[in-house]
Amino acid sequence: MAIDSLKRSLLLLAFCLAQALVLNHIHLFGYATPLLYVYFVILFPRNYPKWAILLWSFGLGLAVDMFSNTPGVAASSMTLVGFLQPMLLEPFVPRDSIENLPVSVRSLGLAKFFTFSLMLVTIYCLMFFTIEAFNFFNWQHYLLCIGGSIILTMILLMTLESVRKE
């Protein structure tokens, strides 16, 4: 368990630094910003303690908020995604799979992994940009930010997943 916590801490640090130092400065066409740290929550295996997923999600969201100057936006959005992750994962997991099945393209299959990831990224982007904007005055900009960020995040997420080793 200690090795798992150390690995997750290093992964949390890596995602936080990547987001704060590189990805926050990418605004494709003025709308799309990759929010790759959602991948951290997607990777939690089946039957991982729900309280631990919530704590890790909130911790990463809080760290991203501190470095990105978005007070509470990422923390609340990540906590919601961390809460929904175990429930959304269950329909995609084969019934005869092991208890602590890792979430990856190899274990779920490309279509299931992509659908599962797309659901979590969409929920995250909807929550993130809704809280950030806090109004629907410029709804075209709001929808372009959500759609562009979903597409860019999914491209980066699937690229990372294709080179990841279990």
N, C-alpha and C. Protein backbone atom coordinates (compact mmCIF):
# COMPACT_ATOMS: atom_id res chain seq x y z
N MET A 1 0.82 -1.19 0.00
CA MET A 1 0.00 0.00 0.00
C MET A 1 0.86 1.26 0.00
N ALA A 2 2.01 1.20 0.68
CA ALA A 2 2.89 2.36 0.74
C ALA A 2 3.49 2.67 -0.63
N ILE A 3 3.81 1.62 -1.38
CA ILE A 3 4.37 1.82 -2.72
C ILE A 3 3.31 2.42 -3.64
N ASP A 4 2.07 1.95 -3.50
CA ASP A 4 0.98 2.51 -4.30
C ASP A 4 0.78 4.00 -3.99
N SER A 5 0.84 4.35 -2.72
CA SER A 5 0.68 5.76 -2.32
C SER A 5 1.82 6.61 -2.85
N LEU A 6 3.02 6.08 -2.83
CA LEU A 6 4.18 6.81 -3.36
C LEU A 6 4.04 7.02 -4.87
N LYS A 7 3.64 5.97 -5.58
CA LYS A 7 3.44 6.08 -7.04
C LYS A 7 2.36 7.11 -7.36
N ARG A 8 1.25 7.06 -6.63
CA ARG A 8 0.16 8.01 -6.86
C ARG A 8 0.59 9.43 -6.52
N SER A 9 1.39 9.59 -5.47
CA SER A 9 1.89 10.93 -5.11
C SER A 9 2.77 11.50 -6.22
N LEU A 10 3.63 10.67 -6.77
CA LEU A 10 4.50 11.12 -7.87
C LEU A 10 3.69 11.42 -9.13
N LEU A 11 2.68 10.59 -9.39
CA LEU A 11 1.81 10.84 -10.54
C LEU A 11 1.01 12.12 -10.35
N LEU A 12 0.52 12.37 -9.14
CA LEU A 12 -0.20 13.60 -8.82
C LEU A 12 0.71 14.80 -9.04
N LEU A 13 1.93 14.72 -8.57
CA LEU A 13 2.89 15.81 -8.75
C LEU A 13 3.19 16.05 -10.22
N ALA A 14 3.36 14.96 -10.98
CA ALA A 14 3.65 15.09 -12.41
C ALA A 14 2.49 15.76 -13.16
N PHE A 15 1.26 15.32 -12.88
CA PHE A 15 0.10 15.93 -13.55
C PHE A 15 -0.07 17.39 -13.16
N CYS A 16 0.15 17.67 -11.90
CA CYS A 16 0.01 19.04 -11.41
C CYS A 16 1.03 19.96 -12.07
N LEU A 17 2.27 19.53 -12.12
CA LEU A 17 3.32 20.34 -12.74
C LEU A 17 3.11 20.48 -14.24
N ALA A 18 2.72 19.40 -14.90
CA ALA A 18 2.47 19.47 -16.34
C ALA A 18 1.35 20.45 -16.65
N GLN A 19 0.29 20.42 -15.84
CA GLN A 19 -0.83 21.32 -16.06
C GLN A 19 -0.43 22.77 -15.81
N ALA A 20 0.24 23.00 -14.69
CA ALA A 20 0.57 24.37 -14.30
C ALA A 20 1.65 24.99 -15.19
N LEU A 21 2.64 24.22 -15.57
CA LEU A 21 3.77 24.79 -16.31
C LEU A 21 3.60 24.76 -17.82
N VAL A 22 2.84 23.80 -18.34
CA VAL A 22 2.74 23.67 -19.80
C VAL A 22 1.31 23.82 -20.31
N LEU A 23 0.42 22.96 -19.83
CA LEU A 23 -0.91 22.84 -20.44
C LEU A 23 -1.80 24.05 -20.20
N ASN A 24 -1.63 24.77 -19.09
CA ASN A 24 -2.43 25.97 -18.84
C ASN A 24 -2.11 27.09 -19.82
N HIS A 25 -0.98 27.00 -20.49
CA HIS A 25 -0.58 28.04 -21.43
C HIS A 25 -1.01 27.72 -22.87
N ILE A 26 -1.68 26.61 -23.05
CA ILE A 26 -2.19 26.23 -24.37
C ILE A 26 -3.66 26.61 -24.43
N HIS A 27 -3.99 27.49 -25.35
CA HIS A 27 -5.39 27.89 -25.58
C HIS A 27 -5.61 27.84 -27.09
N LEU A 28 -5.85 26.66 -27.60
CA LEU A 28 -6.01 26.45 -29.03
C LEU A 28 -7.21 27.22 -29.54
N PHE A 29 -6.98 28.11 -30.49
CA PHE A 29 -8.00 28.98 -31.09
C PHE A 29 -8.67 29.87 -30.04
N GLY A 30 -8.03 30.04 -28.89
CA GLY A 30 -8.58 30.88 -27.84
C GLY A 30 -9.63 30.20 -26.99
N TYR A 31 -9.89 28.92 -27.24
CA TYR A 31 -10.95 28.22 -26.53
C TYR A 31 -10.47 26.94 -25.84
N ALA A 32 -9.80 26.09 -26.57
CA ALA A 32 -9.50 24.74 -26.08
C ALA A 32 -8.25 24.72 -25.21
N THR A 33 -8.43 24.28 -23.98
CA THR A 33 -7.32 24.10 -23.05
C THR A 33 -7.32 22.64 -22.60
N PRO A 34 -6.21 21.93 -22.76
CA PRO A 34 -6.19 20.53 -22.31
C PRO A 34 -6.20 20.44 -20.79
N LEU A 35 -7.07 19.63 -20.27
CA LEU A 35 -7.19 19.41 -18.82
C LEU A 35 -6.85 17.94 -18.54
N LEU A 36 -5.60 17.61 -18.79
CA LEU A 36 -5.15 16.22 -18.79
C LEU A 36 -5.15 15.57 -17.42
N TYR A 37 -5.16 16.32 -16.35
CA TYR A 37 -5.08 15.73 -15.02
C TYR A 37 -6.31 14.91 -14.66
N VAL A 38 -7.36 14.96 -15.46
CA VAL A 38 -8.53 14.09 -15.25
C VAL A 38 -8.12 12.62 -15.43
N TYR A 39 -7.09 12.40 -16.22
CA TYR A 39 -6.57 11.06 -16.46
C TYR A 39 -6.16 10.38 -15.15
N PHE A 40 -5.73 11.17 -14.18
CA PHE A 40 -5.36 10.65 -12.87
C PHE A 40 -6.52 9.90 -12.23
N VAL A 41 -7.72 10.43 -12.32
CA VAL A 41 -8.89 9.80 -11.73
C VAL A 41 -9.35 8.62 -12.57
N ILE A 42 -9.20 8.70 -13.86
CA ILE A 42 -9.60 7.61 -14.75
C ILE A 42 -8.81 6.34 -14.43
N LEU A 43 -7.56 6.49 -14.01
CA LEU A 43 -6.68 5.35 -13.80
C LEU A 43 -6.92 4.56 -12.51
N PHE A 44 -7.80 5.01 -11.63
CA PHE A 44 -8.04 4.25 -10.40
C PHE A 44 -8.63 2.89 -10.74
N PRO A 45 -8.06 1.81 -10.18
CA PRO A 45 -8.55 0.47 -10.51
C PRO A 45 -9.91 0.19 -9.88
N ARG A 46 -10.49 -0.87 -10.34
CA ARG A 46 -11.78 -1.32 -9.82
C ARG A 46 -11.62 -1.69 -8.34
N ASN A 47 -12.62 -1.39 -7.56
CA ASN A 47 -12.68 -1.68 -6.12
C ASN A 47 -11.62 -0.94 -5.30
N TYR A 48 -11.08 0.14 -5.83
CA TYR A 48 -10.21 1.00 -5.03
C TYR A 48 -11.13 1.69 -4.02
N PRO A 49 -10.70 1.91 -2.78
CA PRO A 49 -11.60 2.53 -1.80
C PRO A 49 -12.14 3.88 -2.27
N LYS A 50 -13.45 4.03 -2.18
CA LYS A 50 -14.09 5.25 -2.67
C LYS A 50 -13.63 6.48 -1.92
N TRP A 51 -13.41 6.35 -0.63
CA TRP A 51 -12.94 7.49 0.16
C TRP A 51 -11.54 7.93 -0.30
N ALA A 52 -10.72 6.96 -0.70
CA ALA A 52 -9.37 7.29 -1.17
C ALA A 52 -9.43 7.99 -2.53
N ILE A 53 -10.33 7.55 -3.39
CA ILE A 53 -10.48 8.21 -4.69
C ILE A 53 -10.90 9.66 -4.49
N LEU A 54 -11.84 9.88 -3.57
CA LEU A 54 -12.29 11.25 -3.28
C LEU A 54 -11.16 12.11 -2.74
N LEU A 55 -10.37 11.57 -1.82
CA LEU A 55 -9.25 12.34 -1.26
C LEU A 55 -8.19 12.66 -2.29
N TRP A 56 -7.82 11.66 -3.10
CA TRP A 56 -6.82 11.89 -4.14
C TRP A 56 -7.33 12.91 -5.16
N SER A 57 -8.59 12.77 -5.55
CA SER A 57 -9.18 13.70 -6.53
C SER A 57 -9.21 15.12 -6.00
N PHE A 58 -9.67 15.27 -4.76
CA PHE A 58 -9.72 16.59 -4.16
C PHE A 58 -8.32 17.17 -4.02
N GLY A 59 -7.36 16.36 -3.61
CA GLY A 59 -5.98 16.83 -3.46
C GLY A 59 -5.38 17.33 -4.76
N LEU A 60 -5.59 16.57 -5.84
CA LEU A 60 -5.08 17.02 -7.14
C LEU A 60 -5.79 18.28 -7.59
N GLY A 61 -7.10 18.33 -7.43
CA GLY A 61 -7.85 19.52 -7.81
C GLY A 61 -7.39 20.75 -7.04
N LEU A 62 -7.15 20.57 -5.75
CA LEU A 62 -6.68 21.67 -4.91
C LEU A 62 -5.29 22.14 -5.34
N ALA A 63 -4.42 21.18 -5.65
CA ALA A 63 -3.07 21.54 -6.11
C ALA A 63 -3.12 22.30 -7.44
N VAL A 64 -3.96 21.84 -8.35
CA VAL A 64 -4.11 22.53 -9.64
C VAL A 64 -4.70 23.92 -9.42
N ASP A 65 -5.66 24.04 -8.51
CA ASP A 65 -6.24 25.35 -8.20
C ASP A 65 -5.19 26.32 -7.68
N MET A 66 -4.31 25.84 -6.83
CA MET A 66 -3.29 26.73 -6.26
C MET A 66 -2.33 27.24 -7.33
N PHE A 67 -1.95 26.37 -8.26
CA PHE A 67 -1.00 26.78 -9.30
C PHE A 67 -1.66 27.50 -10.46
N SER A 68 -2.96 27.31 -10.65
CA SER A 68 -3.64 27.88 -11.81
C SER A 68 -4.47 29.11 -11.48
N ASN A 69 -4.56 29.47 -10.21
CA ASN A 69 -5.33 30.62 -9.77
C ASN A 69 -6.82 30.48 -10.15
N THR A 70 -7.34 29.30 -9.91
CA THR A 70 -8.77 29.04 -10.11
C THR A 70 -9.33 28.51 -8.79
N PRO A 71 -9.61 29.39 -7.84
CA PRO A 71 -9.94 28.96 -6.48
C PRO A 71 -11.19 28.08 -6.41
N GLY A 72 -10.98 26.80 -6.12
CA GLY A 72 -12.07 25.86 -5.91
C GLY A 72 -12.68 25.25 -7.15
N VAL A 73 -12.35 25.75 -8.32
CA VAL A 73 -12.98 25.26 -9.55
C VAL A 73 -12.53 23.83 -9.86
N ALA A 74 -11.23 23.62 -9.91
CA ALA A 74 -10.71 22.28 -10.21
C ALA A 74 -10.97 21.31 -9.06
N ALA A 75 -10.88 21.79 -7.82
CA ALA A 75 -11.10 20.90 -6.67
C ALA A 75 -12.52 20.37 -6.65
N SER A 76 -13.50 21.22 -6.87
CA SER A 76 -14.89 20.74 -6.86
C SER A 76 -15.19 19.86 -8.06
N SER A 77 -14.65 20.20 -9.20
CA SER A 77 -14.88 19.39 -10.40
C SER A 77 -14.22 18.02 -10.29
N MET A 78 -12.99 18.00 -9.77
CA MET A 78 -12.28 16.73 -9.60
C MET A 78 -12.96 15.85 -8.55
N THR A 79 -13.48 16.47 -7.50
CA THR A 79 -14.17 15.71 -6.47
C THR A 79 -15.43 15.06 -7.03
N LEU A 80 -16.16 15.78 -7.88
CA LEU A 80 -17.34 15.20 -8.52
C LEU A 80 -16.94 14.02 -9.41
N VAL A 81 -15.90 14.19 -10.20
CA VAL A 81 -15.46 13.11 -11.09
C VAL A 81 -14.96 11.92 -10.26
N GLY A 82 -14.25 12.19 -9.17
CA GLY A 82 -13.80 11.12 -8.29
C GLY A 82 -14.96 10.37 -7.66
N PHE A 83 -16.04 11.08 -7.35
CA PHE A 83 -17.23 10.46 -6.79
C PHE A 83 -17.92 9.56 -7.82
N LEU A 84 -17.97 10.00 -9.08
CA LEU A 84 -18.68 9.27 -10.12
C LEU A 84 -17.88 8.15 -10.75
N GLN A 85 -16.56 8.19 -10.65
CA GLN A 85 -15.70 7.23 -11.32
C GLN A 85 -16.04 5.77 -11.01
N PRO A 86 -16.16 5.36 -9.74
CA PRO A 86 -16.47 3.94 -9.49
C PRO A 86 -17.82 3.51 -10.05
N MET A 87 -18.80 4.39 -10.00
CA MET A 87 -20.14 4.04 -10.50
C MET A 87 -20.16 3.93 -12.02
N LEU A 88 -19.42 4.83 -12.69
CA LEU A 88 -19.40 4.80 -14.15
C LEU A 88 -18.51 3.68 -14.69
N LEU A 89 -17.55 3.22 -13.88
CA LEU A 89 -16.65 2.17 -14.33
C LEU A 89 -17.33 0.80 -14.37
N GLU A 90 -18.22 0.53 -13.43
CA GLU A 90 -18.82 -0.80 -13.30
C GLU A 90 -19.47 -1.34 -14.59
N PRO A 91 -20.24 -0.57 -15.34
CA PRO A 91 -20.84 -1.13 -16.56
C PRO A 91 -19.81 -1.52 -17.64
N PHE A 92 -18.60 -0.98 -17.55
CA PHE A 92 -17.59 -1.25 -18.57
C PHE A 92 -16.68 -2.41 -18.22
N VAL A 93 -16.74 -2.88 -16.98
CA VAL A 93 -15.85 -3.95 -16.52
C VAL A 93 -16.51 -5.29 -16.79
N PRO A 94 -15.77 -6.26 -17.37
CA PRO A 94 -16.34 -7.60 -17.57
C PRO A 94 -16.70 -8.25 -16.24
N ARG A 95 -17.74 -9.03 -16.22
CA ARG A 95 -18.23 -9.63 -14.98
C ARG A 95 -17.22 -10.59 -14.34
N ASP A 96 -16.48 -11.31 -15.16
CA ASP A 96 -15.56 -12.31 -14.63
C ASP A 96 -14.14 -11.76 -14.43
N SER A 97 -14.01 -10.45 -14.33
CA SER A 97 -12.68 -9.85 -14.18
C SER A 97 -12.23 -9.89 -12.71
N ILE A 98 -10.96 -9.64 -12.52
CA ILE A 98 -10.39 -9.65 -11.17
C ILE A 98 -10.91 -8.45 -10.38
N GLU A 99 -10.79 -8.52 -9.07
CA GLU A 99 -11.34 -7.48 -8.19
C GLU A 99 -10.66 -6.13 -8.37
N ASN A 100 -9.34 -6.11 -8.51
CA ASN A 100 -8.62 -4.84 -8.64
C ASN A 100 -8.13 -4.64 -10.07
N LEU A 101 -9.04 -4.78 -11.01
CA LEU A 101 -8.74 -4.64 -12.43
C LEU A 101 -8.24 -3.23 -12.74
N PRO A 102 -7.04 -3.11 -13.32
CA PRO A 102 -6.57 -1.77 -13.69
C PRO A 102 -7.36 -1.23 -14.88
N VAL A 103 -7.55 0.06 -14.91
CA VAL A 103 -8.29 0.68 -16.00
C VAL A 103 -7.31 1.07 -17.08
N SER A 104 -7.44 0.42 -18.24
CA SER A 104 -6.57 0.73 -19.38
C SER A 104 -7.23 0.19 -20.65
N VAL A 105 -6.63 0.53 -21.78
CA VAL A 105 -7.14 0.02 -23.06
C VAL A 105 -6.97 -1.49 -23.10
N ARG A 106 -5.88 -1.99 -22.54
CA ARG A 106 -5.62 -3.43 -22.55
C ARG A 106 -6.66 -4.21 -21.74
N SER A 107 -7.08 -3.67 -20.62
CA SER A 107 -8.00 -4.41 -19.76
C SER A 107 -9.47 -4.24 -20.17
N LEU A 108 -9.83 -3.06 -20.65
CA LEU A 108 -11.23 -2.81 -21.01
C LEU A 108 -11.52 -2.95 -22.50
N GLY A 109 -10.53 -2.74 -23.32
CA GLY A 109 -10.75 -2.67 -24.75
C GLY A 109 -10.83 -1.20 -25.18
N LEU A 110 -10.50 -0.91 -26.40
CA LEU A 110 -10.42 0.46 -26.88
C LEU A 110 -11.76 1.19 -26.81
N ALA A 111 -12.81 0.56 -27.29
CA ALA A 111 -14.13 1.22 -27.32
C ALA A 111 -14.64 1.52 -25.91
N LYS A 112 -14.54 0.56 -25.01
CA LYS A 112 -15.03 0.77 -23.64
C LYS A 112 -14.19 1.81 -22.91
N PHE A 113 -12.87 1.73 -23.07
CA PHE A 113 -12.01 2.70 -22.39
C PHE A 113 -12.27 4.10 -22.91
N PHE A 114 -12.40 4.24 -24.23
CA PHE A 114 -12.66 5.55 -24.83
C PHE A 114 -14.00 6.12 -24.34
N THR A 115 -15.03 5.28 -24.32
CA THR A 115 -16.34 5.74 -23.88
C THR A 115 -16.33 6.15 -22.41
N PHE A 116 -15.71 5.33 -21.58
CA PHE A 116 -15.60 5.62 -20.16
C PHE A 116 -14.83 6.92 -19.93
N SER A 117 -13.71 7.07 -20.60
CA SER A 117 -12.90 8.29 -20.46
C SER A 117 -13.65 9.51 -20.97
N LEU A 118 -14.33 9.36 -22.10
CA LEU A 118 -15.09 10.47 -22.66
C LEU A 118 -16.20 10.93 -21.71
N MET A 119 -16.84 9.99 -21.05
CA MET A 119 -17.89 10.35 -20.09
C MET A 119 -17.31 11.17 -18.94
N LEU A 120 -16.21 10.72 -18.37
CA LEU A 120 -15.61 11.43 -17.24
C LEU A 120 -15.04 12.79 -17.65
N VAL A 121 -14.41 12.85 -18.81
CA VAL A 121 -13.85 14.12 -19.29
C VAL A 121 -14.97 15.11 -19.58
N THR A 122 -16.06 14.64 -20.16
CA THR A 122 -17.20 15.51 -20.46
C THR A 122 -17.82 16.06 -19.17
N ILE A 123 -18.01 15.20 -18.19
CA ILE A 123 -18.56 15.65 -16.91
C ILE A 123 -17.63 16.66 -16.28
N TYR A 124 -16.33 16.38 -16.33
CA TYR A 124 -15.37 17.30 -15.73
C TYR A 124 -15.39 18.66 -16.41
N CYS A 125 -15.33 18.66 -17.74
CA CYS A 125 -15.31 19.93 -18.48
C CYS A 125 -16.61 20.72 -18.28
N LEU A 126 -17.74 20.03 -18.28
CA LEU A 126 -19.01 20.72 -18.03
C LEU A 126 -19.01 21.39 -16.66
N MET A 127 -18.59 20.67 -15.65
CA MET A 127 -18.56 21.22 -14.29
C MET A 127 -17.53 22.34 -14.18
N PHE A 128 -16.35 22.12 -14.72
CA PHE A 128 -15.26 23.10 -14.62
C PHE A 128 -15.64 24.43 -15.25
N PHE A 129 -16.11 24.39 -16.49
CA PHE A 129 -16.41 25.64 -17.19
C PHE A 129 -17.71 26.28 -16.71
N THR A 130 -18.63 25.49 -16.17
CA THR A 130 -19.84 26.07 -15.60
C THR A 130 -19.51 26.85 -14.34
N ILE A 131 -18.68 26.28 -13.48
CA ILE A 131 -18.29 26.99 -12.26
C ILE A 131 -17.41 28.18 -12.59
N GLU A 132 -16.52 28.02 -13.57
CA GLU A 132 -15.61 29.11 -13.93
C GLU A 132 -16.37 30.31 -14.52
N ALA A 133 -17.31 30.03 -15.40
CA ALA A 133 -18.06 31.12 -16.04
C ALA A 133 -19.13 31.67 -15.10
N PHE A 134 -19.82 30.80 -14.42
CA PHE A 134 -20.88 31.10 -13.46
C PHE A 134 -22.02 31.93 -14.06
N ASN A 135 -22.07 31.98 -15.39
CA ASN A 135 -23.23 32.57 -16.06
C ASN A 135 -23.26 32.05 -17.49
N PHE A 136 -24.36 32.23 -18.15
CA PHE A 136 -24.51 31.77 -19.52
C PHE A 136 -24.71 32.95 -20.46
N PHE A 137 -24.08 34.09 -20.13
CA PHE A 137 -24.24 35.29 -20.94
C PHE A 137 -23.66 35.08 -22.33
N ASN A 138 -22.45 34.54 -22.41
CA ASN A 138 -21.81 34.28 -23.69
C ASN A 138 -21.79 32.77 -23.90
N TRP A 139 -22.90 32.18 -24.23
CA TRP A 139 -23.03 30.74 -24.28
C TRP A 139 -22.26 30.12 -25.45
N GLN A 140 -22.02 30.86 -26.53
CA GLN A 140 -21.23 30.31 -27.63
C GLN A 140 -19.79 30.07 -27.18
N HIS A 141 -19.23 31.04 -26.46
CA HIS A 141 -17.87 30.89 -25.94
C HIS A 141 -17.81 29.74 -24.94
N TYR A 142 -18.82 29.63 -24.11
CA TYR A 142 -18.92 28.57 -23.11
C TYR A 142 -18.92 27.20 -23.79
N LEU A 143 -19.74 27.02 -24.81
CA LEU A 143 -19.81 25.74 -25.52
C LEU A 143 -18.54 25.43 -26.29
N LEU A 144 -17.92 26.45 -26.88
CA LEU A 144 -16.66 26.24 -27.59
C LEU A 144 -15.55 25.84 -26.62
N CYS A 145 -15.53 26.43 -25.45
CA CYS A 145 -14.52 26.06 -24.44
C CYS A 145 -14.71 24.61 -24.01
N ILE A 146 -15.94 24.23 -23.75
CA ILE A 146 -16.22 22.85 -23.32
C ILE A 146 -15.87 21.86 -24.42
N GLY A 147 -16.40 22.08 -25.62
CA GLY A 147 -16.16 21.15 -26.73
C GLY A 147 -14.70 21.06 -27.11
N GLY A 148 -14.04 22.21 -27.22
CA GLY A 148 -12.62 22.20 -27.59
C GLY A 148 -11.76 21.53 -26.53
N SER A 149 -12.06 21.78 -25.27
CA SER A 149 -11.28 21.18 -24.19
C SER A 149 -11.50 19.67 -24.11
N ILE A 150 -12.73 19.23 -24.36
CA ILE A 150 -12.99 17.79 -24.38
C ILE A 150 -12.19 17.12 -25.47
N ILE A 151 -12.24 17.68 -26.67
CA ILE A 151 -11.53 17.08 -27.81
C ILE A 151 -10.03 17.06 -27.57
N LEU A 152 -9.46 18.18 -27.14
CA LEU A 152 -8.02 18.26 -26.92
C LEU A 152 -7.58 17.35 -25.77
N THR A 153 -8.36 17.30 -24.71
CA THR A 153 -8.03 16.42 -23.58
C THR A 153 -8.09 14.96 -23.99
N MET A 154 -9.10 14.58 -24.76
CA MET A 154 -9.21 13.18 -25.20
C MET A 154 -8.08 12.79 -26.13
N ILE A 155 -7.66 13.70 -26.99
CA ILE A 155 -6.53 13.40 -27.88
C ILE A 155 -5.27 13.14 -27.06
N LEU A 156 -4.99 14.01 -26.10
CA LEU A 156 -3.81 13.83 -25.26
C LEU A 156 -3.93 12.58 -24.38
N LEU A 157 -5.12 12.35 -23.85
CA LEU A 157 -5.35 11.19 -22.99
C LEU A 157 -5.13 9.89 -23.75
N MET A 158 -5.68 9.78 -24.93
CA MET A 158 -5.51 8.56 -25.72
C MET A 158 -4.07 8.40 -26.20
N THR A 159 -3.38 9.51 -26.43
CA THR A 159 -1.97 9.44 -26.79
C THR A 159 -1.15 8.89 -25.62
N LEU A 160 -1.41 9.41 -24.43
CA LEU A 160 -0.73 8.89 -23.24
C LEU A 160 -1.05 7.43 -23.01
N GLU A 161 -2.29 7.05 -23.21
CA GLU A 161 -2.70 5.67 -22.98
C GLU A 161 -2.04 4.72 -23.98
N SER A 162 -1.77 5.19 -25.18
CA SER A 162 -1.16 4.33 -26.19
C SER A 162 0.31 4.04 -25.88
N VAL A 163 0.96 4.90 -25.13
CA VAL A 163 2.38 4.68 -24.80
C VAL A 163 2.58 4.17 -23.37
N ARG A 164 1.52 4.10 -22.59
CA ARG A 164 1.61 3.67 -21.20
C ARG A 164 1.84 2.18 -21.09
N LYS A 165 2.69 1.81 -20.14
CA LYS A 165 2.92 0.38 -19.86
C LYS A 165 2.32 0.07 -18.51
N GLU A 166 1.69 -1.07 -18.39
CA GLU A 166 1.09 -1.47 -17.10
C GLU A 166 2.09 -2.15 -16.23
